[in-house]
């Protein structure tokens, strides 16, 4: 199965609801976070809108936007 080349657009006359826009997560330096794979950590570096450097105690990981699996505590 192949991936579509472009996302399908929603027609205004469609009886179905338009897909919801994904929520943009905002994090700041020093925020405590929880990650699905790495666990609890603290943000120690910020690259504006691109990535976050997070200290998880035993390792430091660069988490790229859209920060899936990471939530602010």
PDB file of N, CA and C in Angstrom:
ATOM      1  N   UNK A   1       0.848  -1.164   0.000  1.00  0.00           N
ATOM      2  CA  UNK A   1       0.000   0.000   0.000  1.00  0.00           C
ATOM      3  C   UNK A   1       0.895   1.228   0.000  1.00  0.00           C
ATOM      4  N   UNK A   2       0.574   2.201  -0.806  1.00  0.00           N
ATOM      5  CA  UNK A   2       1.390   3.405  -0.900  1.00  0.00           C
ATOM      6  C   UNK A   2       0.744   4.548  -0.140  1.00  0.00           C
ATOM      7  N   UNK A   3       1.568   5.512   0.255  1.00  0.00           N
ATOM      8  CA  UNK A   3       1.068   6.695   0.946  1.00  0.00           C
ATOM      9  C   UNK A   3       0.525   7.683  -0.079  1.00  0.00           C
ATOM     10  N   UNK A   4      -0.524   8.411   0.273  1.00  0.00           N
ATOM     11  CA  UNK A   4      -1.015   9.432  -0.656  1.00  0.00           C
ATOM     12  C   UNK A   4       0.016  10.551  -0.773  1.00  0.00           C
ATOM     13  N   UNK A   5       0.077  11.163  -1.925  1.00  0.00           N
ATOM     14  CA  UNK A   5       1.073  12.201  -2.156  1.00  0.00           C
ATOM     15  C   UNK A   5       0.737  13.501  -1.443  1.00  0.00           C
ATOM     16  N   UNK A   6      -0.529  13.746  -1.187  1.00  0.00           N
ATOM     17  CA  UNK A   6      -0.940  14.962  -0.494  1.00  0.00           C
ATOM     18  C   UNK A   6      -2.138  14.634   0.388  1.00  0.00           C
ATOM     19  N   UNK A   7      -2.285  15.339   1.503  1.00  0.00           N
ATOM     20  CA  UNK A   7      -3.447  15.066   2.353  1.00  0.00           C
ATOM     21  C   UNK A   7      -4.735  15.470   1.635  1.00  0.00           C
ATOM     22  N   UNK A   8      -5.773  14.741   1.925  1.00  0.00           N
ATOM     23  CA  UNK A   8      -7.057  15.056   1.298  1.00  0.00           C
ATOM     24  C   UNK A   8      -7.630  16.333   1.888  1.00  0.00           C
ATOM     25  N   UNK A   9      -8.173  17.161   1.028  1.00  0.00           N
ATOM     26  CA  UNK A   9      -8.766  18.393   1.515  1.00  0.00           C
ATOM     27  C   UNK A   9     -10.237  18.162   1.818  1.00  0.00           C
ATOM     28  N   UNK A  10     -10.757  18.936   2.728  1.00  0.00           N
ATOM     29  CA  UNK A  10     -12.146  18.823   3.142  1.00  0.00           C
ATOM     30  C   UNK A  10     -12.998  19.758   2.285  1.00  0.00           C
ATOM     31  N   UNK A  11     -14.023  19.210   1.663  1.00  0.00           N
ATOM     32  CA  UNK A  11     -14.927  20.019   0.857  1.00  0.00           C
ATOM     33  C   UNK A  11     -15.963  20.690   1.745  1.00  0.00           C
ATOM     34  N   UNK A  12     -16.234  21.939   1.471  1.00  0.00           N
ATOM     35  CA  UNK A  12     -17.178  22.714   2.271  1.00  0.00           C
ATOM     36  C   UNK A  12     -18.576  22.109   2.242  1.00  0.00           C
ATOM     37  N   UNK A  13     -18.940  21.442   1.168  1.00  0.00           N
ATOM     38  CA  UNK A  13     -20.281  20.861   1.023  1.00  0.00           C
ATOM     39  C   UNK A  13     -20.384  19.449   1.589  1.00  0.00           C
ATOM     40  N   UNK A  14     -19.315  18.935   2.152  1.00  0.00           N
ATOM     41  CA  UNK A  14     -19.314  17.580   2.688  1.00  0.00           C
ATOM     42  C   UNK A  14     -20.202  17.483   3.926  1.00  0.00           C
ATOM     43  N   UNK A  15     -20.961  16.375   4.067  1.00  0.00           N
ATOM     44  CA  UNK A  15     -21.793  16.207   5.260  1.00  0.00           C
ATOM     45  C   UNK A  15     -20.970  15.796   6.487  1.00  0.00           C
ATOM     46  N   UNK A  16     -19.698  15.489   6.291  1.00  0.00           N
ATOM     47  CA  UNK A  16     -18.843  15.053   7.399  1.00  0.00           C
ATOM     48  C   UNK A  16     -18.091  16.244   7.979  1.00  0.00           C
ATOM     49  N   UNK A  17     -17.746  16.134   9.249  1.00  0.00           N
ATOM     50  CA  UNK A  17     -17.007  17.210   9.914  1.00  0.00           C
ATOM     51  C   UNK A  17     -15.582  17.280   9.376  1.00  0.00           C
ATOM     52  N   UNK A  18     -15.041  18.475   9.371  1.00  0.00           N
ATOM     53  CA  UNK A  18     -13.645  18.663   8.958  1.00  0.00           C
ATOM     54  C   UNK A  18     -12.742  18.063  10.023  1.00  0.00           C
ATOM     55  N   UNK A  19     -11.587  17.512   9.626  1.00  0.00           N
ATOM     56  CA  UNK A  19     -10.679  16.958  10.624  1.00  0.00           C
ATOM     57  C   UNK A  19     -10.183  18.062  11.556  1.00  0.00           C
ATOM     58  N   UNK A  20     -10.027  17.711  12.815  1.00  0.00           N
ATOM     59  CA  UNK A  20      -9.591  18.685  13.812  1.00  0.00           C
ATOM     60  C   UNK A  20      -8.116  19.019  13.618  1.00  0.00           C
ATOM     61  N   UNK A  21      -7.777  20.280  13.811  1.00  0.00           N
ATOM     62  CA  UNK A  21      -6.386  20.708  13.739  1.00  0.00           C
ATOM     63  C   UNK A  21      -5.655  20.180  14.969  1.00  0.00           C
ATOM     64  N   UNK A  22      -4.446  19.647  14.807  1.00  0.00           N
ATOM     65  CA  UNK A  22      -3.716  19.150  15.982  1.00  0.00           C
ATOM     66  C   UNK A  22      -3.334  20.309  16.899  1.00  0.00           C
ATOM     67  N   UNK A  23      -3.419  20.052  18.201  1.00  0.00           N
ATOM     68  CA  UNK A  23      -3.063  21.081  19.166  1.00  0.00           C
ATOM     69  C   UNK A  23      -1.548  21.252  19.203  1.00  0.00           C
ATOM     70  N   UNK A  24      -1.110  22.493  19.220  1.00  0.00           N
ATOM     71  CA  UNK A  24       0.316  22.786  19.282  1.00  0.00           C
ATOM     72  C   UNK A  24       0.711  22.851  20.749  1.00  0.00           C
ATOM     73  N   UNK A  25       1.683  22.028  21.120  1.00  0.00           N
ATOM     74  CA  UNK A  25       2.131  22.003  22.505  1.00  0.00           C
ATOM     75  C   UNK A  25       3.218  23.048  22.707  1.00  0.00           C
ATOM     76  N   UNK A  26       3.132  23.764  23.823  1.00  0.00           N
ATOM     77  CA  UNK A  26       4.119  24.791  24.144  1.00  0.00           C
ATOM     78  C   UNK A  26       4.866  24.390  25.408  1.00  0.00           C
ATOM     79  N   UNK A  27       6.178  24.402  25.320  1.00  0.00           N
ATOM     80  CA  UNK A  27       7.024  24.087  26.462  1.00  0.00           C
ATOM     81  C   UNK A  27       8.027  25.214  26.651  1.00  0.00           C
ATOM     82  N   UNK A  28       8.493  25.392  27.874  1.00  0.00           N
ATOM     83  CA  UNK A  28       9.475  26.430  28.172  1.00  0.00           C
ATOM     84  C   UNK A  28      10.650  25.808  28.917  1.00  0.00           C
ATOM     85  N   UNK A  29      11.728  26.528  28.957  1.00  0.00           N
ATOM     86  CA  UNK A  29      12.931  26.091  29.649  1.00  0.00           C
ATOM     87  C   UNK A  29      12.613  25.849  31.124  1.00  0.00           C
ATOM     88  N   UNK A  30      12.988  24.695  31.624  1.00  0.00           N
ATOM     89  CA  UNK A  30      12.766  24.355  33.024  1.00  0.00           C
ATOM     90  C   UNK A  30      11.475  23.611  33.302  1.00  0.00           C
ATOM     91  N   UNK A  31      10.613  23.452  32.305  1.00  0.00           N
ATOM     92  CA  UNK A  31       9.352  22.721  32.511  1.00  0.00           C
ATOM     93  C   UNK A  31       9.624  21.259  32.807  1.00  0.00           C
ATOM     94  N   UNK A  32       8.838  20.690  33.716  1.00  0.00           N
ATOM     95  CA  UNK A  32       8.881  19.252  33.986  1.00  0.00           C
ATOM     96  C   UNK A  32       7.964  18.582  32.980  1.00  0.00           C
ATOM     97  N   UNK A  33       8.424  17.488  32.372  1.00  0.00           N
ATOM     98  CA  UNK A  33       7.654  16.800  31.347  1.00  0.00           C
ATOM     99  C   UNK A  33       7.650  15.302  31.593  1.00  0.00           C
ATOM    100  N   UNK A  34       6.710  14.647  30.962  1.00  0.00           N
ATOM    101  CA  UNK A  34       6.626  13.193  30.965  1.00  0.00           C
ATOM    102  C   UNK A  34       6.619  12.739  29.511  1.00  0.00           C
ATOM    103  N   UNK A  35       7.465  11.752  29.190  1.00  0.00           N
ATOM    104  CA  UNK A  35       7.550  11.239  27.831  1.00  0.00           C
ATOM    105  C   UNK A  35       7.170   9.764  27.854  1.00  0.00           C
ATOM    106  N   UNK A  36       6.458   9.312  26.815  1.00  0.00           N
ATOM    107  CA  UNK A  36       6.002   7.922  26.754  1.00  0.00           C
ATOM    108  C   UNK A  36       7.156   6.926  26.763  1.00  0.00           C
ATOM    109  N   UNK A  37       8.262   7.245  26.124  1.00  0.00           N
ATOM    110  CA  UNK A  37       9.385   6.313  26.018  1.00  0.00           C
ATOM    111  C   UNK A  37      10.424   6.517  27.121  1.00  0.00           C
ATOM    112  N   UNK A  38      10.755   7.778  27.434  1.00  0.00           N
ATOM    113  CA  UNK A  38      11.874   8.071  28.333  1.00  0.00           C
ATOM    114  C   UNK A  38      11.472   8.304  29.781  1.00  0.00           C
ATOM    115  N   UNK A  39      10.223   8.627  30.062  1.00  0.00           N
ATOM    116  CA  UNK A  39       9.780   8.847  31.434  1.00  0.00           C
ATOM    117  C   UNK A  39       9.771  10.317  31.810  1.00  0.00           C
ATOM    118  N   UNK A  40      10.091  10.592  33.099  1.00  0.00           N
ATOM    119  CA  UNK A  40      10.052  11.953  33.618  1.00  0.00           C
ATOM    120  C   UNK A  40      11.340  12.689  33.311  1.00  0.00           C
ATOM    121  N   UNK A  41      11.221  13.994  33.007  1.00  0.00           N
ATOM    122  CA  UNK A  41      12.397  14.782  32.708  1.00  0.00           C
ATOM    123  C   UNK A  41      12.149  16.265  32.859  1.00  0.00           C
ATOM    124  N   UNK A  42      13.209  17.044  32.596  1.00  0.00           N
ATOM    125  CA  UNK A  42      13.137  18.504  32.671  1.00  0.00           C
ATOM    126  C   UNK A  42      13.764  19.075  31.413  1.00  0.00           C
ATOM    127  N   UNK A  43      13.114  20.091  30.830  1.00  0.00           N
ATOM    128  CA  UNK A  43      13.614  20.727  29.611  1.00  0.00           C
ATOM    129  C   UNK A  43      14.823  21.583  29.963  1.00  0.00           C
ATOM    130  N   UNK A  44      15.960  21.319  29.288  1.00  0.00           N
ATOM    131  CA  UNK A  44      17.184  22.063  29.559  1.00  0.00           C
ATOM    132  C   UNK A  44      17.644  22.874  28.354  1.00  0.00           C
ATOM    133  N   UNK A  45      16.990  22.690  27.209  1.00  0.00           N
ATOM    134  CA  UNK A  45      17.359  23.444  26.018  1.00  0.00           C
ATOM    135  C   UNK A  45      16.175  23.599  25.094  1.00  0.00           C
ATOM    136  N   UNK A  46      16.101  24.753  24.429  1.00  0.00           N
ATOM    137  CA  UNK A  46      14.976  25.047  23.535  1.00  0.00           C
ATOM    138  C   UNK A  46      15.511  25.517  22.191  1.00  0.00           C
ATOM    139  N   UNK A  47      15.051  24.884  21.113  1.00  0.00           N
ATOM    140  CA  UNK A  47      15.288  25.361  19.750  1.00  0.00           C
ATOM    141  C   UNK A  47      13.927  25.803  19.235  1.00  0.00           C
ATOM    142  N   UNK A  48      13.735  27.093  19.036  1.00  0.00           N
ATOM    143  CA  UNK A  48      12.431  27.689  18.744  1.00  0.00           C
ATOM    144  C   UNK A  48      11.614  26.914  17.715  1.00  0.00           C
ATOM    145  N   UNK A  49      10.572  26.233  18.181  1.00  0.00           N
ATOM    146  CA  UNK A  49       9.649  25.541  17.308  1.00  0.00           C
ATOM    147  C   UNK A  49      10.205  24.319  16.600  1.00  0.00           C
ATOM    148  N   UNK A  50      11.464  23.956  16.872  1.00  0.00           N
ATOM    149  CA  UNK A  50      12.081  22.836  16.166  1.00  0.00           C
ATOM    150  C   UNK A  50      12.236  21.627  17.074  1.00  0.00           C
ATOM    151  N   UNK A  51      12.850  21.828  18.234  1.00  0.00           N
ATOM    152  CA  UNK A  51      13.129  20.707  19.122  1.00  0.00           C
ATOM    153  C   UNK A  51      13.354  21.187  20.550  1.00  0.00           C
ATOM    154  N   UNK A  52      13.330  20.229  21.474  1.00  0.00           N
ATOM    155  CA  UNK A  52      13.615  20.473  22.884  1.00  0.00           C
ATOM    156  C   UNK A  52      14.686  19.483  23.328  1.00  0.00           C
ATOM    157  N   UNK A  53      15.612  19.956  24.143  1.00  0.00           N
ATOM    158  CA  UNK A  53      16.605  19.075  24.755  1.00  0.00           C
ATOM    159  C   UNK A  53      16.112  18.800  26.165  1.00  0.00           C
ATOM    160  N   UNK A  54      15.889  17.519  26.461  1.00  0.00           N
ATOM    161  CA  UNK A  54      15.287  17.138  27.729  1.00  0.00           C
ATOM    162  C   UNK A  54      16.236  16.227  28.498  1.00  0.00           C
ATOM    163  N   UNK A  55      16.422  16.527  29.791  1.00  0.00           N
ATOM    164  CA  UNK A  55      17.250  15.714  30.680  1.00  0.00           C
ATOM    165  C   UNK A  55      16.337  14.733  31.407  1.00  0.00           C
ATOM    166  N   UNK A  56      16.553  13.448  31.157  1.00  0.00           N
ATOM    167  CA  UNK A  56      15.750  12.409  31.790  1.00  0.00           C
ATOM    168  C   UNK A  56      16.510  11.707  32.912  1.00  0.00           C
ATOM    169  N   UNK A  57      17.534  12.337  33.432  1.00  0.00           N
ATOM    170  CA  UNK A  57      18.309  11.752  34.522  1.00  0.00           C
ATOM    171  C   UNK A  57      19.470  10.941  33.992  1.00  0.00           C
ATOM    172  N   UNK A  58      19.202   9.771  33.458  1.00  0.00           N
ATOM    173  CA  UNK A  58      20.267   8.901  32.965  1.00  0.00           C
ATOM    174  C   UNK A  58      20.699   9.251  31.545  1.00  0.00           C
ATOM    175  N   UNK A  59      19.888  10.011  30.827  1.00  0.00           N
ATOM    176  CA  UNK A  59      20.249  10.408  29.466  1.00  0.00           C
ATOM    177  C   UNK A  59      19.597  11.731  29.112  1.00  0.00           C
ATOM    178  N   UNK A  60      20.147  12.377  28.090  1.00  0.00           N
ATOM    179  CA  UNK A  60      19.561  13.588  27.542  1.00  0.00           C
ATOM    180  C   UNK A  60      19.105  13.272  26.126  1.00  0.00           C
ATOM    181  N   UNK A  61      17.884  13.679  25.791  1.00  0.00           N
ATOM    182  CA  UNK A  61      17.325  13.371  24.479  1.00  0.00           C
ATOM    183  C   UNK A  61      16.826  14.649  23.816  1.00  0.00           C
ATOM    184  N   UNK A  62      16.985  14.705  22.500  1.00  0.00           N
ATOM    185  CA  UNK A  62      16.467  15.823  21.699  1.00  0.00           C
ATOM    186  C   UNK A  62      15.134  15.364  21.129  1.00  0.00           C
ATOM    187  N   UNK A  63      14.059  15.982  21.561  1.00  0.00           N
ATOM    188  CA  UNK A  63      12.708  15.636  21.125  1.00  0.00           C
ATOM    189  C   UNK A  63      12.284  16.687  20.103  1.00  0.00           C
ATOM    190  N   UNK A  64      11.956  16.241  18.891  1.00  0.00           N
ATOM    191  CA  UNK A  64      11.597  17.165  17.822  1.00  0.00           C
ATOM    192  C   UNK A  64      10.093  17.426  17.793  1.00  0.00           C
ATOM    193  N   UNK A  65       9.734  18.583  17.232  1.00  0.00           N
ATOM    194  CA  UNK A  65       8.343  18.980  17.091  1.00  0.00           C
ATOM    195  C   UNK A  65       7.637  17.992  16.182  1.00  0.00           C
ATOM    196  N   UNK A  66       6.442  17.599  16.412  1.00  0.00           N
ATOM    197  CA  UNK A  66       5.352  18.120  17.220  1.00  0.00           C
ATOM    198  C   UNK A  66       5.285  17.538  18.625  1.00  0.00           C
ATOM    199  N   UNK A  67       6.370  17.018  19.157  1.00  0.00           N
ATOM    200  CA  UNK A  67       6.490  16.547  20.539  1.00  0.00           C
ATOM    201  C   UNK A  67       5.455  15.479  20.883  1.00  0.00           C
ATOM    202  N   UNK A  68       5.262  14.530  19.976  1.00  0.00           N
ATOM    203  CA  UNK A  68       4.309  13.445  20.254  1.00  0.00           C
ATOM    204  C   UNK A  68       4.830  12.599  21.399  1.00  0.00           C
ATOM    205  N   UNK A  69       3.950  12.242  22.294  1.00  0.00           N
ATOM    206  CA  UNK A  69       4.313  11.413  23.424  1.00  0.00           C
ATOM    207  C   UNK A  69       4.887  12.193  24.591  1.00  0.00           C
ATOM    208  N   UNK A  70       4.964  13.520  24.498  1.00  0.00           N
ATOM    209  CA  UNK A  70       5.501  14.326  25.584  1.00  0.00           C
ATOM    210  C   UNK A  70       4.429  15.269  26.104  1.00  0.00           C
ATOM    211  N   UNK A  71       4.248  15.281  27.432  1.00  0.00           N
ATOM    212  CA  UNK A  71       3.243  16.125  28.057  1.00  0.00           C
ATOM    213  C   UNK A  71       3.857  16.910  29.201  1.00  0.00           C
ATOM    214  N   UNK A  72       3.358  18.123  29.409  1.00  0.00           N
ATOM    215  CA  UNK A  72       3.819  18.970  30.506  1.00  0.00           C
ATOM    216  C   UNK A  72       3.161  18.503  31.803  1.00  0.00           C
ATOM    217  N   UNK A  73       3.946  18.501  32.871  1.00  0.00           N
ATOM    218  CA  UNK A  73       3.388  18.123  34.185  1.00  0.00           C
ATOM    219  C   UNK A  73       2.964  19.339  34.959  1.00  0.00           C
TER     220      UNK A  73
END
